[in-house]
Amino acid sequence: MKHLKKFESIEDNPQIGDYVICEDQYDDEEEIATFISQNIGQCIDINKGSQTDKISYFIQYKNVPNNELFFEHTVINKNYTNVLEMFLEEIIHFSKNKEDLQIYLDVNKYNL
């Protein structure tokens, strides 16, 4: 059993640097939705003042599909490429350890 030191905290939400698996609930692009549900991204920024008053997470992916413009965002003088802006309800799983999420993807691939 792992014991936490007093200065350690347990976060209920993804943090910058965490790896994530998402499910896009707000877009009609099937290719994009399939891509993000089958690939691991990494949280590179958190926007606490988005237009919808929700916290949004900027998730960076490798090997994005052909629709590259869909993966570009500019937020407060920061240009991101290979990034999608996601909300907490779209993040299925997150972990500091990428291997944990890869196991989840591998198991679900065979349970289709």
PDB file of N, CA and C in Angstrom:
ATOM      1  N   MET A   1       0.837  -1.176   0.000  1.00  0.00           N
ATOM      2  CA  MET A   1       0.000   0.000   0.000  1.00  0.00           C
ATOM      3  C   MET A   1       0.885   1.242   0.000  1.00  0.00           C
ATOM      4  N   LYS A   2       0.561   2.177  -0.852  1.00  0.00           N
ATOM      5  CA  LYS A   2       1.332   3.401  -0.953  1.00  0.00           C
ATOM      6  C   LYS A   2       0.843   4.405   0.075  1.00  0.00           C
ATOM      7  N   HIS A   3       1.772   5.014   0.780  1.00  0.00           N
ATOM      8  CA  HIS A   3       1.428   6.022   1.784  1.00  0.00           C
ATOM      9  C   HIS A   3       1.766   7.400   1.234  1.00  0.00           C
ATOM     10  N   LEU A   4       0.879   8.349   1.447  1.00  0.00           N
ATOM     11  CA  LEU A   4       1.108   9.714   0.999  1.00  0.00           C
ATOM     12  C   LEU A   4       1.767  10.518   2.102  1.00  0.00           C
ATOM     13  N   LYS A   5       2.738  11.311   1.705  1.00  0.00           N
ATOM     14  CA  LYS A   5       3.348  12.226   2.651  1.00  0.00           C
ATOM     15  C   LYS A   5       2.428  13.431   2.795  1.00  0.00           C
ATOM     16  N   LYS A   6       2.576  14.181   3.858  1.00  0.00           N
ATOM     17  CA  LYS A   6       1.690  15.312   4.129  1.00  0.00           C
ATOM     18  C   LYS A   6       1.697  16.343   3.007  1.00  0.00           C
ATOM     19  N   PHE A   7       2.828  16.530   2.346  1.00  0.00           N
ATOM     20  CA  PHE A   7       2.889  17.556   1.318  1.00  0.00           C
ATOM     21  C   PHE A   7       2.399  17.054  -0.031  1.00  0.00           C
ATOM     22  N   GLU A   8       2.108  15.767  -0.178  1.00  0.00           N
ATOM     23  CA  GLU A   8       1.583  15.243  -1.430  1.00  0.00           C
ATOM     24  C   GLU A   8       0.068  15.426  -1.464  1.00  0.00           C
ATOM     25  N   SER A   9      -0.457  15.613  -2.656  1.00  0.00           N
ATOM     26  CA  SER A   9      -1.902  15.750  -2.778  1.00  0.00           C
ATOM     27  C   SER A   9      -2.413  14.840  -3.873  1.00  0.00           C
ATOM     28  N   ILE A  10      -3.663  14.498  -3.765  1.00  0.00           N
ATOM     29  CA  ILE A  10      -4.314  13.682  -4.787  1.00  0.00           C
ATOM     30  C   ILE A  10      -5.223  14.609  -5.579  1.00  0.00           C
ATOM     31  N   GLU A  11      -5.016  14.662  -6.880  1.00  0.00           N
ATOM     32  CA  GLU A  11      -5.815  15.533  -7.733  1.00  0.00           C
ATOM     33  C   GLU A  11      -6.947  14.730  -8.364  1.00  0.00           C
ATOM     34  N   ASP A  12      -8.124  15.338  -8.444  1.00  0.00           N
ATOM     35  CA  ASP A  12      -9.273  14.702  -9.070  1.00  0.00           C
ATOM     36  C   ASP A  12      -9.374  15.035 -10.543  1.00  0.00           C
ATOM     37  N   ASN A  13      -8.571  15.967 -11.008  1.00  0.00           N
ATOM     38  CA  ASN A  13      -8.601  16.400 -12.396  1.00  0.00           C
ATOM     39  C   ASN A  13      -7.210  16.261 -13.001  1.00  0.00           C
ATOM     40  N   PRO A  14      -7.151  16.137 -14.322  1.00  0.00           N
ATOM     41  CA  PRO A  14      -5.835  16.053 -14.971  1.00  0.00           C
ATOM     42  C   PRO A  14      -5.006  17.307 -14.705  1.00  0.00           C
ATOM     43  N   GLN A  15      -3.717  17.122 -14.665  1.00  0.00           N
ATOM     44  CA  GLN A  15      -2.773  18.214 -14.475  1.00  0.00           C
ATOM     45  C   GLN A  15      -1.863  18.291 -15.701  1.00  0.00           C
ATOM     46  N   ILE A  16      -1.171  19.401 -15.860  1.00  0.00           N
ATOM     47  CA  ILE A  16      -0.233  19.532 -16.964  1.00  0.00           C
ATOM     48  C   ILE A  16       0.810  18.423 -16.856  1.00  0.00           C
ATOM     49  N   GLY A  17       1.023  17.733 -17.965  1.00  0.00           N
ATOM     50  CA  GLY A  17       1.961  16.619 -18.010  1.00  0.00           C
ATOM     51  C   GLY A  17       1.297  15.259 -17.937  1.00  0.00           C
ATOM     52  N   ASP A  18       0.040  15.208 -17.488  1.00  0.00           N
ATOM     53  CA  ASP A  18      -0.669  13.935 -17.405  1.00  0.00           C
ATOM     54  C   ASP A  18      -1.023  13.434 -18.800  1.00  0.00           C
ATOM     55  N   TYR A  19      -1.110  12.125 -18.933  1.00  0.00           N
ATOM     56  CA  TYR A  19      -1.545  11.477 -20.168  1.00  0.00           C
ATOM     57  C   TYR A  19      -3.038  11.214 -20.069  1.00  0.00           C
ATOM     58  N   VAL A  20      -3.744  11.320 -21.200  1.00  0.00           N
ATOM     59  CA  VAL A  20      -5.200  11.200 -21.180  1.00  0.00           C
ATOM     60  C   VAL A  20      -5.720  10.391 -22.359  1.00  0.00           C
ATOM     61  N   ILE A  21      -6.898   9.809 -22.151  1.00  0.00           N
ATOM     62  CA  ILE A  21      -7.703   9.228 -23.223  1.00  0.00           C
ATOM     63  C   ILE A  21      -9.012   9.997 -23.200  1.00  0.00           C
ATOM     64  N   CYS A  22      -9.429  10.491 -24.354  1.00  0.00           N
ATOM     65  CA  CYS A  22     -10.607  11.344 -24.434  1.00  0.00           C
ATOM     66  C   CYS A  22     -11.674  10.735 -25.333  1.00  0.00           C
ATOM     67  N   GLU A  23     -12.850  11.336 -25.231  1.00  0.00           N
ATOM     68  CA  GLU A  23     -13.971  11.005 -26.103  1.00  0.00           C
ATOM     69  C   GLU A  23     -14.637  12.323 -26.468  1.00  0.00           C
ATOM     70  N   ASP A  24     -14.571  12.683 -27.751  1.00  0.00           N
ATOM     71  CA  ASP A  24     -15.103  13.970 -28.202  1.00  0.00           C
ATOM     72  C   ASP A  24     -16.624  13.904 -28.240  1.00  0.00           C
ATOM     73  N   GLN A  25     -17.276  14.713 -27.408  1.00  0.00           N
ATOM     74  CA  GLN A  25     -18.732  14.709 -27.323  1.00  0.00           C
ATOM     75  C   GLN A  25     -19.374  15.844 -28.109  1.00  0.00           C
ATOM     76  N   TYR A  26     -18.566  16.741 -28.664  1.00  0.00           N
ATOM     77  CA  TYR A  26     -19.133  17.945 -29.254  1.00  0.00           C
ATOM     78  C   TYR A  26     -18.831  18.119 -30.735  1.00  0.00           C
ATOM     79  N   ASP A  27     -18.257  17.130 -31.382  1.00  0.00           N
ATOM     80  CA  ASP A  27     -17.873  17.305 -32.775  1.00  0.00           C
ATOM     81  C   ASP A  27     -18.468  16.205 -33.637  1.00  0.00           C
ATOM     82  N   ASP A  28     -18.749  16.535 -34.874  1.00  0.00           N
ATOM     83  CA  ASP A  28     -19.339  15.577 -35.799  1.00  0.00           C
ATOM     84  C   ASP A  28     -18.302  14.893 -36.678  1.00  0.00           C
ATOM     85  N   GLU A  29     -17.042  15.234 -36.543  1.00  0.00           N
ATOM     86  CA  GLU A  29     -15.978  14.645 -37.352  1.00  0.00           C
ATOM     87  C   GLU A  29     -15.675  13.230 -36.844  1.00  0.00           C
ATOM     88  N   GLU A  30     -16.161  12.223 -37.555  1.00  0.00           N
ATOM     89  CA  GLU A  30     -15.987  10.846 -37.102  1.00  0.00           C
ATOM     90  C   GLU A  30     -14.515  10.432 -37.059  1.00  0.00           C
ATOM     91  N   GLU A  31     -13.737  10.879 -38.051  1.00  0.00           N
ATOM     92  CA  GLU A  31     -12.316  10.531 -38.089  1.00  0.00           C
ATOM     93  C   GLU A  31     -11.587  11.056 -36.852  1.00  0.00           C
ATOM     94  N   ILE A  32     -11.910  12.276 -36.449  1.00  0.00           N
ATOM     95  CA  ILE A  32     -11.280  12.882 -35.277  1.00  0.00           C
ATOM     96  C   ILE A  32     -11.728  12.159 -34.005  1.00  0.00           C
ATOM     97  N   ALA A  33     -13.021  11.892 -33.894  1.00  0.00           N
ATOM     98  CA  ALA A  33     -13.551  11.212 -32.708  1.00  0.00           C
ATOM     99  C   ALA A  33     -12.915   9.839 -32.539  1.00  0.00           C
ATOM    100  N   THR A  34     -12.777   9.104 -33.625  1.00  0.00           N
ATOM    101  CA  THR A  34     -12.143   7.779 -33.565  1.00  0.00           C
ATOM    102  C   THR A  34     -10.678   7.909 -33.166  1.00  0.00           C
ATOM    103  N   PHE A  35      -9.997   8.891 -33.741  1.00  0.00           N
ATOM    104  CA  PHE A  35      -8.577   9.086 -33.441  1.00  0.00           C
ATOM    105  C   PHE A  35      -8.354   9.343 -31.954  1.00  0.00           C
ATOM    106  N   ILE A  36      -9.102  10.281 -31.371  1.00  0.00           N
ATOM    107  CA  ILE A  36      -8.826  10.628 -29.974  1.00  0.00           C
ATOM    108  C   ILE A  36      -9.263   9.541 -29.001  1.00  0.00           C
ATOM    109  N   SER A  37     -10.233   8.729 -29.375  1.00  0.00           N
ATOM    110  CA  SER A  37     -10.657   7.655 -28.465  1.00  0.00           C
ATOM    111  C   SER A  37      -9.710   6.462 -28.517  1.00  0.00           C
ATOM    112  N   GLN A  38      -8.858   6.401 -29.540  1.00  0.00           N
ATOM    113  CA  GLN A  38      -7.944   5.271 -29.697  1.00  0.00           C
ATOM    114  C   GLN A  38      -6.477   5.658 -29.517  1.00  0.00           C
ATOM    115  N   ASN A  39      -6.225   6.897 -29.106  1.00  0.00           N
ATOM    116  CA  ASN A  39      -4.856   7.363 -28.923  1.00  0.00           C
ATOM    117  C   ASN A  39      -4.697   8.090 -27.602  1.00  0.00           C
ATOM    118  N   ILE A  40      -3.499   8.063 -27.087  1.00  0.00           N
ATOM    119  CA  ILE A  40      -3.179   8.729 -25.829  1.00  0.00           C
ATOM    120  C   ILE A  40      -2.613  10.110 -26.148  1.00  0.00           C
ATOM    121  N   GLY A  41      -3.153  11.113 -25.477  1.00  0.00           N
ATOM    122  CA  GLY A  41      -2.640  12.472 -25.605  1.00  0.00           C
ATOM    123  C   GLY A  41      -2.026  12.903 -24.288  1.00  0.00           C
ATOM    124  N   GLN A  42      -1.413  14.082 -24.312  1.00  0.00           N
ATOM    125  CA  GLN A  42      -0.804  14.605 -23.095  1.00  0.00           C
ATOM    126  C   GLN A  42      -1.292  16.028 -22.854  1.00  0.00           C
ATOM    127  N   CYS A  43      -1.695  16.306 -21.624  1.00  0.00           N
ATOM    128  CA  CYS A  43      -2.176  17.636 -21.242  1.00  0.00           C
ATOM    129  C   CYS A  43      -0.981  18.592 -21.198  1.00  0.00           C
ATOM    130  N   ILE A  44      -1.033  19.636 -22.052  1.00  0.00           N
ATOM    131  CA  ILE A  44       0.085  20.584 -22.081  1.00  0.00           C
ATOM    132  C   ILE A  44      -0.289  21.947 -21.511  1.00  0.00           C
ATOM    133  N   ASP A  45      -1.594  22.192 -21.322  1.00  0.00           N
ATOM    134  CA  ASP A  45      -2.018  23.478 -20.757  1.00  0.00           C
ATOM    135  C   ASP A  45      -3.453  23.342 -20.247  1.00  0.00           C
ATOM    136  N   ILE A  46      -3.805  24.201 -19.309  1.00  0.00           N
ATOM    137  CA  ILE A  46      -5.152  24.227 -18.755  1.00  0.00           C
ATOM    138  C   ILE A  46      -5.640  25.665 -18.829  1.00  0.00           C
ATOM    139  N   ASN A  47      -6.834  25.860 -19.383  1.00  0.00           N
ATOM    140  CA  ASN A  47      -7.412  27.186 -19.529  1.00  0.00           C
ATOM    141  C   ASN A  47      -8.596  27.297 -18.584  1.00  0.00           C
ATOM    142  N   LYS A  48      -8.444  28.083 -17.540  1.00  0.00           N
ATOM    143  CA  LYS A  48      -9.507  28.194 -16.539  1.00  0.00           C
ATOM    144  C   LYS A  48     -10.482  29.316 -16.850  1.00  0.00           C
ATOM    145  N   GLY A  49     -10.304  30.012 -17.958  1.00  0.00           N
ATOM    146  CA  GLY A  49     -11.194  31.113 -18.299  1.00  0.00           C
ATOM    147  C   GLY A  49     -11.691  31.016 -19.723  1.00  0.00           C
ATOM    148  N   SER A  50     -12.155  29.842 -20.110  1.00  0.00           N
ATOM    149  CA  SER A  50     -12.610  29.666 -21.484  1.00  0.00           C
ATOM    150  C   SER A  50     -13.941  30.367 -21.708  1.00  0.00           C
ATOM    151  N   GLN A  51     -14.371  30.408 -22.952  1.00  0.00           N
ATOM    152  CA  GLN A  51     -15.591  31.118 -23.328  1.00  0.00           C
ATOM    153  C   GLN A  51     -16.834  30.550 -22.660  1.00  0.00           C
ATOM    154  N   THR A  52     -16.831  29.291 -22.330  1.00  0.00           N
ATOM    155  CA  THR A  52     -18.021  28.667 -21.747  1.00  0.00           C
ATOM    156  C   THR A  52     -17.976  28.631 -20.221  1.00  0.00           C
ATOM    157  N   ASP A  53     -17.022  29.293 -19.624  1.00  0.00           N
ATOM    158  CA  ASP A  53     -16.827  29.288 -18.170  1.00  0.00           C
ATOM    159  C   ASP A  53     -16.539  27.900 -17.620  1.00  0.00           C
ATOM    160  N   LYS A  54     -16.090  27.013 -18.478  1.00  0.00           N
ATOM    161  CA  LYS A  54     -15.658  25.682 -18.060  1.00  0.00           C
ATOM    162  C   LYS A  54     -14.141  25.628 -18.167  1.00  0.00           C
ATOM    163  N   ILE A  55     -13.538  24.803 -17.358  1.00  0.00           N
ATOM    164  CA  ILE A  55     -12.107  24.573 -17.484  1.00  0.00           C
ATOM    165  C   ILE A  55     -11.878  23.722 -18.721  1.00  0.00           C
ATOM    166  N   SER A  56     -10.949  24.133 -19.568  1.00  0.00           N
ATOM    167  CA  SER A  56     -10.622  23.334 -20.741  1.00  0.00           C
ATOM    168  C   SER A  56      -9.173  22.886 -20.648  1.00  0.00           C
ATOM    169  N   TYR A  57      -8.913  21.750 -21.252  1.00  0.00           N
ATOM    170  CA  TYR A  57      -7.596  21.127 -21.222  1.00  0.00           C
ATOM    171  C   TYR A  57      -7.077  21.041 -22.650  1.00  0.00           C
ATOM    172  N   PHE A  58      -5.842  21.443 -22.858  1.00  0.00           N
ATOM    173  CA  PHE A  58      -5.237  21.363 -24.176  1.00  0.00           C
ATOM    174  C   PHE A  58      -4.426  20.075 -24.238  1.00  0.00           C
ATOM    175  N   ILE A  59      -4.897  19.160 -25.087  1.00  0.00           N
ATOM    176  CA  ILE A  59      -4.328  17.822 -25.183  1.00  0.00           C
ATOM    177  C   ILE A  59      -3.546  17.712 -26.489  1.00  0.00           C
ATOM    178  N   GLN A  60      -2.271  17.378 -26.353  1.00  0.00           N
ATOM    179  CA  GLN A  60      -1.408  17.257 -27.525  1.00  0.00           C
ATOM    180  C   GLN A  60      -1.288  15.796 -27.930  1.00  0.00           C
ATOM    181  N   TYR A  61      -1.371  15.564 -29.248  1.00  0.00           N
ATOM    182  CA  TYR A  61      -1.297  14.218 -29.816  1.00  0.00           C
ATOM    183  C   TYR A  61      -0.136  14.112 -30.786  1.00  0.00           C
ATOM    184  N   LYS A  62       0.336  12.914 -30.978  1.00  0.00           N
ATOM    185  CA  LYS A  62       1.325  12.609 -32.010  1.00  0.00           C
ATOM    186  C   LYS A  62       0.610  11.907 -33.152  1.00  0.00           C
ATOM    187  N   ASN A  63       1.145  12.033 -34.349  1.00  0.00           N
ATOM    188  CA  ASN A  63       0.603  11.361 -35.537  1.00  0.00           C
ATOM    189  C   ASN A  63      -0.864  11.688 -35.772  1.00  0.00           C
ATOM    190  N   VAL A  64      -1.201  12.980 -35.776  1.00  0.00           N
ATOM    191  CA  VAL A  64      -2.594  13.387 -35.975  1.00  0.00           C
ATOM    192  C   VAL A  64      -3.060  13.070 -37.393  1.00  0.00           C
ATOM    193  N   PRO A  65      -4.358  12.885 -37.587  1.00  0.00           N
ATOM    194  CA  PRO A  65      -4.902  12.600 -38.919  1.00  0.00           C
ATOM    195  C   PRO A  65      -4.687  13.773 -39.879  1.00  0.00           C
ATOM    196  N   ASN A  66      -5.093  13.580 -41.107  1.00  0.00           N
ATOM    197  CA  ASN A  66      -4.872  14.574 -42.161  1.00  0.00           C
ATOM    198  C   ASN A  66      -5.496  15.929 -41.883  1.00  0.00           C
ATOM    199  N   ASN A  67      -6.528  15.991 -41.079  1.00  0.00           N
ATOM    200  CA  ASN A  67      -7.216  17.244 -40.789  1.00  0.00           C
ATOM    201  C   ASN A  67      -6.430  18.059 -39.759  1.00  0.00           C
ATOM    202  N   GLU A  68      -5.216  18.479 -40.118  1.00  0.00           N
ATOM    203  CA  GLU A  68      -4.312  19.118 -39.166  1.00  0.00           C
ATOM    204  C   GLU A  68      -4.814  20.460 -38.655  1.00  0.00           C
ATOM    205  N   LEU A  69      -5.563  21.217 -39.468  1.00  0.00           N
ATOM    206  CA  LEU A  69      -6.067  22.511 -39.013  1.00  0.00           C
ATOM    207  C   LEU A  69      -6.997  22.361 -37.820  1.00  0.00           C
ATOM    208  N   PHE A  70      -7.668  21.245 -37.745  1.00  0.00           N
ATOM    209  CA  PHE A  70      -8.560  20.971 -36.624  1.00  0.00           C
ATOM    210  C   PHE A  70      -7.777  20.891 -35.310  1.00  0.00           C
ATOM    211  N   PHE A  71      -6.474  20.602 -35.397  1.00  0.00           N
ATOM    212  CA  PHE A  71      -5.630  20.407 -34.222  1.00  0.00           C
ATOM    213  C   PHE A  71      -4.772  21.625 -33.895  1.00  0.00           C
ATOM    214  N   GLU A  72      -5.135  22.809 -34.370  1.00  0.00           N
ATOM    215  CA  GLU A  72      -4.357  24.012 -34.079  1.00  0.00           C
ATOM    216  C   GLU A  72      -5.209  24.988 -33.280  1.00  0.00           C
ATOM    217  N   HIS A  73      -4.611  25.559 -32.241  1.00  0.00           N
ATOM    218  CA  HIS A  73      -5.327  26.505 -31.384  1.00  0.00           C
ATOM    219  C   HIS A  73      -4.391  27.643 -30.989  1.00  0.00           C
ATOM    220  N   THR A  74      -4.964  28.822 -30.824  1.00  0.00           N
ATOM    221  CA  THR A  74      -4.229  29.961 -30.287  1.00  0.00           C
ATOM    222  C   THR A  74      -4.977  30.436 -29.054  1.00  0.00           C
ATOM    223  N   VAL A  75      -4.275  30.469 -27.939  1.00  0.00           N
ATOM    224  CA  VAL A  75      -4.883  30.900 -26.683  1.00  0.00           C
ATOM    225  C   VAL A  75      -3.902  31.817 -25.971  1.00  0.00           C
ATOM    226  N   ILE A  76      -4.328  33.033 -25.751  1.00  0.00           N
ATOM    227  CA  ILE A  76      -3.543  34.027 -25.008  1.00  0.00           C
ATOM    228  C   ILE A  76      -2.070  34.000 -25.442  1.00  0.00           C
ATOM    229  N   ASN A  77      -1.853  34.335 -26.690  1.00  0.00           N
ATOM    230  CA  ASN A  77      -0.515  34.441 -27.274  1.00  0.00           C
ATOM    231  C   ASN A  77       0.272  33.133 -27.287  1.00  0.00           C
ATOM    232  N   LYS A  78      -0.411  32.010 -27.197  1.00  0.00           N
ATOM    233  CA  LYS A  78       0.244  30.702 -27.290  1.00  0.00           C
ATOM    234  C   LYS A  78      -0.324  29.992 -28.506  1.00  0.00           C
ATOM    235  N   ASN A  79       0.536  29.556 -29.407  1.00  0.00           N
ATOM    236  CA  ASN A  79       0.109  28.794 -30.573  1.00  0.00           C
ATOM    237  C   ASN A  79       0.408  27.327 -30.335  1.00  0.00           C
ATOM    238  N   TYR A  80      -0.594  26.499 -30.487  1.00  0.00           N
ATOM    239  CA  TYR A  80      -0.436  25.064 -30.280  1.00  0.00           C
ATOM    240  C   TYR A  80      -0.692  24.332 -31.586  1.00  0.00           C
ATOM    241  N   THR A  81       0.096  23.327 -31.869  1.00  0.00           N
ATOM    242  CA  THR A  81      -0.169  22.449 -32.998  1.00  0.00           C
ATOM    243  C   THR A  81      -0.304  21.032 -32.461  1.00  0.00           C
ATOM    244  N   ASN A  82      -1.037  20.213 -33.198  1.00  0.00           N
ATOM    245  CA  ASN A  82      -1.330  18.835 -32.789  1.00  0.00           C
ATOM    246  C   ASN A  82      -2.045  18.796 -31.442  1.00  0.00           C
ATOM    247  N   VAL A  83      -2.909  19.765 -31.212  1.00  0.00           N
ATOM    248  CA  VAL A  83      -3.586  19.924 -29.922  1.00  0.00           C
ATOM    249  C   VAL A  83      -5.083  20.054 -30.130  1.00  0.00           C
ATOM    250  N   LEU A  84      -5.840  19.438 -29.238  1.00  0.00           N
ATOM    251  CA  LEU A  84      -7.291  19.627 -29.171  1.00  0.00           C
ATOM    252  C   LEU A  84      -7.643  20.213 -27.816  1.00  0.00           C
ATOM    253  N   GLU A  85      -8.643  21.077 -27.809  1.00  0.00           N
ATOM    254  CA  GLU A  85      -9.155  21.616 -26.552  1.00  0.00           C
ATOM    255  C   GLU A  85     -10.297  20.714 -26.105  1.00  0.00           C
ATOM    256  N   MET A  86     -10.172  20.134 -24.923  1.00  0.00           N
ATOM    257  CA  MET A  86     -11.162  19.197 -24.409  1.00  0.00           C
ATOM    258  C   MET A  86     -11.647  19.681 -23.042  1.00  0.00           C
ATOM    259  N   PHE A  87     -12.874  19.278 -22.706  1.00  0.00           N
ATOM    260  CA  PHE A  87     -13.439  19.587 -21.399  1.00  0.00           C
ATOM    261  C   PHE A  87     -13.370  18.346 -20.512  1.00  0.00           C
ATOM    262  N   LEU A  88     -13.489  18.542 -19.221  1.00  0.00           N
ATOM    263  CA  LEU A  88     -13.331  17.451 -18.264  1.00  0.00           C
ATOM    264  C   LEU A  88     -14.253  16.276 -18.561  1.00  0.00           C
ATOM    265  N   GLU A  89     -15.487  16.547 -18.965  1.00  0.00           N
ATOM    266  CA  GLU A  89     -16.413  15.448 -19.231  1.00  0.00           C
ATOM    267  C   GLU A  89     -16.014  14.626 -20.459  1.00  0.00           C
ATOM    268  N   GLU A  90     -15.080  15.139 -21.257  1.00  0.00           N
ATOM    269  CA  GLU A  90     -14.611  14.402 -22.427  1.00  0.00           C
ATOM    270  C   GLU A  90     -13.368  13.555 -22.127  1.00  0.00           C
ATOM    271  N   ILE A  91     -12.791  13.736 -20.958  1.00  0.00           N
ATOM    272  CA  ILE A  91     -11.608  12.974 -20.577  1.00  0.00           C
ATOM    273  C   ILE A  91     -12.066  11.707 -19.863  1.00  0.00           C
ATOM    274  N   ILE A  92     -11.837  10.565 -20.505  1.00  0.00           N
ATOM    275  CA  ILE A  92     -12.291   9.277 -19.974  1.00  0.00           C
ATOM    276  C   ILE A  92     -11.379   8.801 -18.851  1.00  0.00           C
ATOM    277  N   HIS A  93     -10.073   8.830 -19.117  1.00  0.00           N
ATOM    278  CA  HIS A  93      -9.067   8.384 -18.142  1.00  0.00           C
ATOM    279  C   HIS A  93      -7.863   9.301 -18.225  1.00  0.00           C
ATOM    280  N   PHE A  94      -7.168   9.448 -17.098  1.00  0.00           N
ATOM    281  CA  PHE A  94      -5.911  10.183 -17.110  1.00  0.00           C
ATOM    282  C   PHE A  94      -4.967   9.556 -16.096  1.00  0.00           C
ATOM    283  N   SER A  95      -3.673   9.713 -16.363  1.00  0.00           N
ATOM    284  CA  SER A  95      -2.665   9.125 -15.497  1.00  0.00           C
ATOM    285  C   SER A  95      -1.342   9.836 -15.721  1.00  0.00           C
ATOM    286  N   LYS A  96      -0.515   9.832 -14.716  1.00  0.00           N
ATOM    287  CA  LYS A  96       0.849  10.351 -14.875  1.00  0.00           C
ATOM    288  C   LYS A  96       1.709   9.344 -15.638  1.00  0.00           C
ATOM    289  N   ASN A  97       1.221   8.105 -15.704  1.00  0.00           N
ATOM    290  CA  ASN A  97       1.967   7.015 -16.327  1.00  0.00           C
ATOM    291  C   ASN A  97       1.296   6.614 -17.640  1.00  0.00           C
ATOM    292  N   LYS A  98       1.973   6.820 -18.753  1.00  0.00           N
ATOM    293  CA  LYS A  98       1.411   6.514 -20.071  1.00  0.00           C
ATOM    294  C   LYS A  98       1.123   5.023 -20.236  1.00  0.00           C
ATOM    295  N   GLU A  99       1.921   4.185 -19.622  1.00  0.00           N
ATOM    296  CA  GLU A  99       1.753   2.733 -19.750  1.00  0.00           C
ATOM    297  C   GLU A  99       0.416   2.265 -19.178  1.00  0.00           C
ATOM    298  N   ASP A 100      -0.059   2.910 -18.122  1.00  0.00           N
ATOM    299  CA  ASP A 100      -1.367   2.544 -17.560  1.00  0.00           C
ATOM    300  C   ASP A 100      -2.477   2.736 -18.593  1.00  0.00           C
ATOM    301  N   LEU A 101      -2.400   3.807 -19.328  1.00  0.00           N
ATOM    302  CA  LEU A 101      -3.422   4.088 -20.335  1.00  0.00           C
ATOM    303  C   LEU A 101      -3.275   3.174 -21.546  1.00  0.00           C
ATOM    304  N   GLN A 102      -2.044   2.803 -21.877  1.00  0.00           N
ATOM    305  CA  GLN A 102      -1.838   1.892 -23.001  1.00  0.00           C
ATOM    306  C   GLN A 102      -2.466   0.532 -22.702  1.00  0.00           C
ATOM    307  N   ILE A 103      -2.377   0.086 -21.474  1.00  0.00           N
ATOM    308  CA  ILE A 103      -3.015  -1.174 -21.076  1.00  0.00           C
ATOM    309  C   ILE A 103      -4.526  -1.068 -21.265  1.00  0.00           C
ATOM    310  N   TYR A 104      -5.120   0.056 -20.866  1.00  0.00           N
ATOM    311  CA  TYR A 104      -6.557   0.270 -21.041  1.00  0.00           C
ATOM    312  C   TYR A 104      -6.936   0.196 -22.524  1.00  0.00           C
ATOM    313  N   LEU A 105      -6.166   0.863 -23.391  1.00  0.00           N
ATOM    314  CA  LEU A 105      -6.459   0.837 -24.819  1.00  0.00           C
ATOM    315  C   LEU A 105      -6.335  -0.572 -25.388  1.00  0.00           C
ATOM    316  N   ASP A 106      -5.295  -1.293 -24.974  1.00  0.00           N
ATOM    317  CA  ASP A 106      -5.076  -2.645 -25.477  1.00  0.00           C
ATOM    318  C   ASP A 106      -6.212  -3.577 -25.069  1.00  0.00           C
ATOM    319  N   VAL A 107      -6.647  -3.499 -23.831  1.00  0.00           N
ATOM    320  CA  VAL A 107      -7.736  -4.343 -23.347  1.00  0.00           C
ATOM    321  C   VAL A 107      -9.028  -4.029 -24.105  1.00  0.00           C
ATOM    322  N   ASN A 108      -9.334  -2.754 -24.270  1.00  0.00           N
ATOM    323  CA  ASN A 108     -10.573  -2.369 -24.952  1.00  0.00           C
ATOM    324  C   ASN A 108     -10.550  -2.685 -26.436  1.00  0.00           C
ATOM    325  N   LYS A 109      -9.393  -2.718 -27.052  1.00  0.00           N
ATOM    326  CA  LYS A 109      -9.294  -3.040 -28.465  1.00  0.00           C
ATOM    327  C   LYS A 109      -9.769  -4.478 -28.716  1.00  0.00           C
ATOM    328  N   TYR A 110      -9.494  -5.361 -27.787  1.00  0.00           N
ATOM    329  CA  TYR A 110      -9.877  -6.762 -27.950  1.00  0.00           C
ATOM    330  C   TYR A 110     -11.283  -7.058 -27.456  1.00  0.00           C
ATOM    331  N   ASN A 111     -11.902  -6.123 -26.772  1.00  0.00           N
ATOM    332  CA  ASN A 111     -13.265  -6.313 -26.275  1.00  0.00           C
ATOM    333  C   ASN A 111     -14.319  -5.688 -27.187  1.00  0.00           C
ATOM    334  N   LEU A 112     -13.931  -5.278 -28.387  1.00  0.00           N
ATOM    335  CA  LEU A 112     -14.886  -4.630 -29.292  1.00  0.00           C
ATOM    336  C   LEU A 112     -15.928  -5.566 -29.797  1.00  0.00           C
TER     337      LEU A 112
END
